[in-house]
Amino acid sequence: MDWWIIAGIILLIAVLLIKGIPVNVVKSSGQIVMKVTIGILFLFFFNLFGASFGLHIPINAFTAMIVGLLGIPGIACLTAISVFIV
């Protein structure tokens, strides 16, 4: 590592310690993480119950974000894409 990378990291830490992390950034990132986690759980249970019907949606970051943001309609859209297009 070069010295300027270490200096930049130390400067960034100092600015965050002095100024503080904005609350809205932490709040919004926490909500996004919670929605993606719920999306992963929805996909897991869908794959668990959909296996008896031959349905499977891969669990990855893209599908988890879609299901996390859209909910049940997101699962329906991904299922329609899986059945009719793929």
N, C-alpha and C. Protein backbone atom coordinates (compact mmCIF):
# COMPACT_ATOMS: atom_id res chain seq x y z
N MET A 1 0.84 -1.18 0.00
CA MET A 1 0.00 0.00 0.00
C MET A 1 0.88 1.24 0.00
N ASP A 2 0.48 2.16 -0.78
CA ASP A 2 1.21 3.42 -0.80
C ASP A 2 0.80 4.26 0.40
N TRP A 3 1.63 5.22 0.71
CA TRP A 3 1.37 6.05 1.89
C TRP A 3 0.15 6.93 1.69
N TRP A 4 -0.20 7.31 0.45
CA TRP A 4 -1.33 8.20 0.23
C TRP A 4 -2.66 7.48 0.43
N ILE A 5 -2.69 6.15 0.21
CA ILE A 5 -3.91 5.39 0.48
C ILE A 5 -4.16 5.33 1.99
N ILE A 6 -3.10 5.09 2.74
CA ILE A 6 -3.23 5.05 4.20
C ILE A 6 -3.61 6.42 4.74
N ALA A 7 -3.01 7.47 4.19
CA ALA A 7 -3.35 8.83 4.63
C ALA A 7 -4.81 9.16 4.30
N GLY A 8 -5.29 8.72 3.14
CA GLY A 8 -6.68 8.96 2.77
C GLY A 8 -7.65 8.25 3.68
N ILE A 9 -7.33 7.02 4.06
CA ILE A 9 -8.19 6.27 4.98
C ILE A 9 -8.21 6.93 6.34
N ILE A 10 -7.05 7.35 6.83
CA ILE A 10 -6.99 8.03 8.13
C ILE A 10 -7.76 9.34 8.09
N LEU A 11 -7.64 10.08 6.99
CA LEU A 11 -8.38 11.33 6.84
C LEU A 11 -9.89 11.08 6.82
N LEU A 12 -10.31 10.05 6.12
CA LEU A 12 -11.73 9.71 6.06
C LEU A 12 -12.26 9.32 7.44
N ILE A 13 -11.51 8.55 8.18
CA ILE A 13 -11.91 8.17 9.53
C ILE A 13 -11.99 9.40 10.43
N ALA A 14 -11.02 10.30 10.31
CA ALA A 14 -11.03 11.52 11.13
C ALA A 14 -12.23 12.39 10.81
N VAL A 15 -12.55 12.55 9.53
CA VAL A 15 -13.71 13.36 9.15
C VAL A 15 -14.99 12.73 9.67
N LEU A 16 -15.12 11.41 9.58
CA LEU A 16 -16.32 10.73 10.09
C LEU A 16 -16.42 10.83 11.61
N LEU A 17 -15.29 10.79 12.31
CA LEU A 17 -15.32 10.93 13.76
C LEU A 17 -15.71 12.34 14.19
N ILE A 18 -15.23 13.32 13.46
CA ILE A 18 -15.52 14.71 13.80
C ILE A 18 -16.93 15.10 13.35
N LYS A 19 -17.25 14.81 12.13
CA LYS A 19 -18.53 15.23 11.55
C LYS A 19 -19.66 14.28 11.91
N GLY A 20 -19.37 13.01 11.99
CA GLY A 20 -20.39 12.00 12.26
C GLY A 20 -21.00 11.48 10.97
N ILE A 21 -21.58 10.31 11.06
CA ILE A 21 -22.23 9.71 9.90
C ILE A 21 -23.65 10.26 9.84
N PRO A 22 -24.09 10.73 8.68
CA PRO A 22 -25.45 11.24 8.57
C PRO A 22 -26.48 10.16 8.91
N VAL A 23 -27.47 10.54 9.69
CA VAL A 23 -28.46 9.58 10.18
C VAL A 23 -29.31 9.03 9.03
N ASN A 24 -29.64 9.88 8.05
CA ASN A 24 -30.49 9.40 6.97
C ASN A 24 -29.80 8.35 6.11
N VAL A 25 -28.47 8.41 5.99
CA VAL A 25 -27.73 7.40 5.23
C VAL A 25 -27.81 6.06 5.96
N VAL A 26 -27.61 6.07 7.25
CA VAL A 26 -27.65 4.84 8.04
C VAL A 26 -29.06 4.26 8.04
N LYS A 27 -30.07 5.14 8.17
CA LYS A 27 -31.45 4.68 8.21
C LYS A 27 -31.86 4.07 6.88
N SER A 28 -31.54 4.74 5.78
CA SER A 28 -31.94 4.22 4.47
C SER A 28 -31.19 2.95 4.11
N SER A 29 -29.91 2.86 4.45
CA SER A 29 -29.16 1.64 4.15
C SER A 29 -29.66 0.48 5.00
N GLY A 30 -30.08 0.76 6.23
CA GLY A 30 -30.66 -0.29 7.07
C GLY A 30 -31.97 -0.80 6.51
N GLN A 31 -32.80 0.10 5.97
CA GLN A 31 -34.06 -0.31 5.36
C GLN A 31 -33.82 -1.15 4.11
N ILE A 32 -32.83 -0.78 3.32
CA ILE A 32 -32.52 -1.54 2.11
C ILE A 32 -32.03 -2.94 2.47
N VAL A 33 -31.17 -3.04 3.47
CA VAL A 33 -30.68 -4.35 3.91
C VAL A 33 -31.83 -5.20 4.43
N MET A 34 -32.76 -4.60 5.17
CA MET A 34 -33.91 -5.34 5.69
C MET A 34 -34.80 -5.84 4.55
N LYS A 35 -35.05 -5.01 3.54
CA LYS A 35 -35.89 -5.42 2.42
C LYS A 35 -35.23 -6.54 1.61
N VAL A 36 -33.93 -6.46 1.40
CA VAL A 36 -33.23 -7.51 0.67
C VAL A 36 -33.25 -8.82 1.47
N THR A 37 -33.12 -8.73 2.78
CA THR A 37 -33.18 -9.92 3.62
C THR A 37 -34.56 -10.56 3.55
N ILE A 38 -35.60 -9.76 3.58
CA ILE A 38 -36.96 -10.29 3.45
C ILE A 38 -37.14 -10.90 2.07
N GLY A 39 -36.58 -10.29 1.05
CA GLY A 39 -36.64 -10.85 -0.29
C GLY A 39 -35.97 -12.21 -0.37
N ILE A 40 -34.84 -12.37 0.30
CA ILE A 40 -34.15 -13.66 0.32
C ILE A 40 -35.00 -14.70 1.01
N LEU A 41 -35.65 -14.33 2.11
CA LEU A 41 -36.53 -15.28 2.80
C LEU A 41 -37.72 -15.66 1.94
N PHE A 42 -38.35 -14.69 1.26
CA PHE A 42 -39.46 -14.99 0.36
C PHE A 42 -39.02 -15.96 -0.73
N LEU A 43 -37.85 -15.71 -1.32
CA LEU A 43 -37.36 -16.59 -2.37
C LEU A 43 -37.06 -17.98 -1.85
N PHE A 44 -36.51 -18.07 -0.65
CA PHE A 44 -36.22 -19.37 -0.06
C PHE A 44 -37.50 -20.19 0.12
N PHE A 45 -38.53 -19.55 0.70
CA PHE A 45 -39.77 -20.28 0.92
C PHE A 45 -40.49 -20.57 -0.39
N PHE A 46 -40.39 -19.67 -1.37
CA PHE A 46 -40.97 -19.95 -2.67
C PHE A 46 -40.30 -21.15 -3.32
N ASN A 47 -38.98 -21.21 -3.25
CA ASN A 47 -38.26 -22.36 -3.82
C ASN A 47 -38.57 -23.63 -3.06
N LEU A 48 -38.79 -23.52 -1.77
CA LEU A 48 -39.11 -24.69 -0.96
C LEU A 48 -40.47 -25.27 -1.36
N PHE A 49 -41.47 -24.40 -1.50
CA PHE A 49 -42.81 -24.87 -1.86
C PHE A 49 -42.99 -25.02 -3.37
N GLY A 50 -42.28 -24.26 -4.15
CA GLY A 50 -42.39 -24.34 -5.60
C GLY A 50 -41.70 -25.54 -6.20
N ALA A 51 -40.85 -26.22 -5.44
CA ALA A 51 -40.15 -27.39 -5.95
C ALA A 51 -41.12 -28.50 -6.30
N SER A 52 -42.24 -28.59 -5.58
CA SER A 52 -43.23 -29.63 -5.88
C SER A 52 -43.94 -29.35 -7.20
N PHE A 53 -43.93 -28.10 -7.68
CA PHE A 53 -44.55 -27.74 -8.95
C PHE A 53 -43.51 -27.56 -10.06
N GLY A 54 -42.27 -27.78 -9.76
CA GLY A 54 -41.21 -27.62 -10.75
C GLY A 54 -40.79 -26.18 -10.96
N LEU A 55 -41.05 -25.31 -10.00
CA LEU A 55 -40.67 -23.91 -10.11
C LEU A 55 -39.43 -23.63 -9.27
N HIS A 56 -38.52 -22.86 -9.83
CA HIS A 56 -37.30 -22.49 -9.11
C HIS A 56 -36.86 -21.11 -9.58
N ILE A 57 -36.62 -20.22 -8.63
CA ILE A 57 -36.05 -18.91 -8.92
C ILE A 57 -34.72 -18.84 -8.18
N PRO A 58 -33.63 -18.60 -8.89
CA PRO A 58 -32.33 -18.55 -8.22
C PRO A 58 -32.28 -17.38 -7.22
N ILE A 59 -31.60 -17.63 -6.13
CA ILE A 59 -31.44 -16.60 -5.10
C ILE A 59 -30.10 -15.91 -5.35
N ASN A 60 -30.16 -14.68 -5.83
CA ASN A 60 -28.97 -13.86 -6.00
C ASN A 60 -29.32 -12.42 -5.65
N ALA A 61 -28.37 -11.53 -5.78
CA ALA A 61 -28.60 -10.14 -5.35
C ALA A 61 -29.69 -9.47 -6.18
N PHE A 62 -29.74 -9.74 -7.48
CA PHE A 62 -30.74 -9.10 -8.34
C PHE A 62 -32.16 -9.56 -7.99
N THR A 63 -32.36 -10.87 -7.88
CA THR A 63 -33.70 -11.37 -7.57
C THR A 63 -34.11 -11.00 -6.15
N ALA A 64 -33.16 -10.98 -5.22
CA ALA A 64 -33.48 -10.60 -3.84
C ALA A 64 -33.90 -9.13 -3.77
N MET A 65 -33.25 -8.26 -4.55
CA MET A 65 -33.64 -6.85 -4.55
C MET A 65 -35.02 -6.66 -5.19
N ILE A 66 -35.29 -7.40 -6.26
CA ILE A 66 -36.60 -7.28 -6.92
C ILE A 66 -37.70 -7.73 -5.97
N VAL A 67 -37.53 -8.88 -5.34
CA VAL A 67 -38.56 -9.38 -4.44
C VAL A 67 -38.63 -8.53 -3.18
N GLY A 68 -37.50 -8.03 -2.70
CA GLY A 68 -37.50 -7.19 -1.51
C GLY A 68 -38.23 -5.87 -1.74
N LEU A 69 -38.08 -5.29 -2.92
CA LEU A 69 -38.72 -4.02 -3.21
C LEU A 69 -40.17 -4.19 -3.65
N LEU A 70 -40.48 -5.24 -4.42
CA LEU A 70 -41.83 -5.41 -4.95
C LEU A 70 -42.70 -6.35 -4.12
N GLY A 71 -42.07 -7.25 -3.37
CA GLY A 71 -42.84 -8.18 -2.55
C GLY A 71 -43.41 -9.32 -3.38
N ILE A 72 -44.67 -9.68 -3.10
CA ILE A 72 -45.33 -10.79 -3.78
C ILE A 72 -45.44 -10.54 -5.30
N PRO A 73 -45.78 -9.32 -5.75
CA PRO A 73 -45.77 -9.11 -7.21
C PRO A 73 -44.39 -9.34 -7.84
N GLY A 74 -43.33 -9.10 -7.09
CA GLY A 74 -41.98 -9.39 -7.60
C GLY A 74 -41.76 -10.87 -7.81
N ILE A 75 -42.26 -11.69 -6.87
CA ILE A 75 -42.17 -13.14 -7.04
C ILE A 75 -42.99 -13.57 -8.25
N ALA A 76 -44.17 -12.97 -8.40
CA ALA A 76 -45.02 -13.32 -9.55
C ALA A 76 -44.35 -12.95 -10.86
N CYS A 77 -43.72 -11.79 -10.92
CA CYS A 77 -43.02 -11.37 -12.14
C CYS A 77 -41.84 -12.29 -12.45
N LEU A 78 -41.06 -12.62 -11.45
CA LEU A 78 -39.91 -13.50 -11.67
C LEU A 78 -40.37 -14.90 -12.07
N THR A 79 -41.48 -15.36 -11.50
CA THR A 79 -42.02 -16.66 -11.88
C THR A 79 -42.49 -16.64 -13.33
N ALA A 80 -43.19 -15.57 -13.72
CA ALA A 80 -43.64 -15.46 -15.11
C ALA A 80 -42.46 -15.42 -16.07
N ILE A 81 -41.42 -14.69 -15.71
CA ILE A 81 -40.22 -14.64 -16.55
C ILE A 81 -39.58 -16.02 -16.64
N SER A 82 -39.52 -16.72 -15.52
CA SER A 82 -38.92 -18.05 -15.47
C SER A 82 -39.71 -19.05 -16.31
N VAL A 83 -41.03 -18.99 -16.23
CA VAL A 83 -41.87 -19.97 -16.93
C VAL A 83 -41.97 -19.65 -18.42
N PHE A 84 -42.23 -18.40 -18.77
CA PHE A 84 -42.53 -18.08 -20.15
C PHE A 84 -41.32 -17.69 -20.99
N ILE A 85 -40.30 -17.13 -20.40
CA ILE A 85 -39.18 -16.66 -21.20
C ILE A 85 -37.99 -17.61 -21.14
N VAL A 86 -37.65 -18.07 -19.97
CA VAL A 86 -36.45 -18.90 -19.83
C VAL A 86 -36.73 -20.31 -20.10
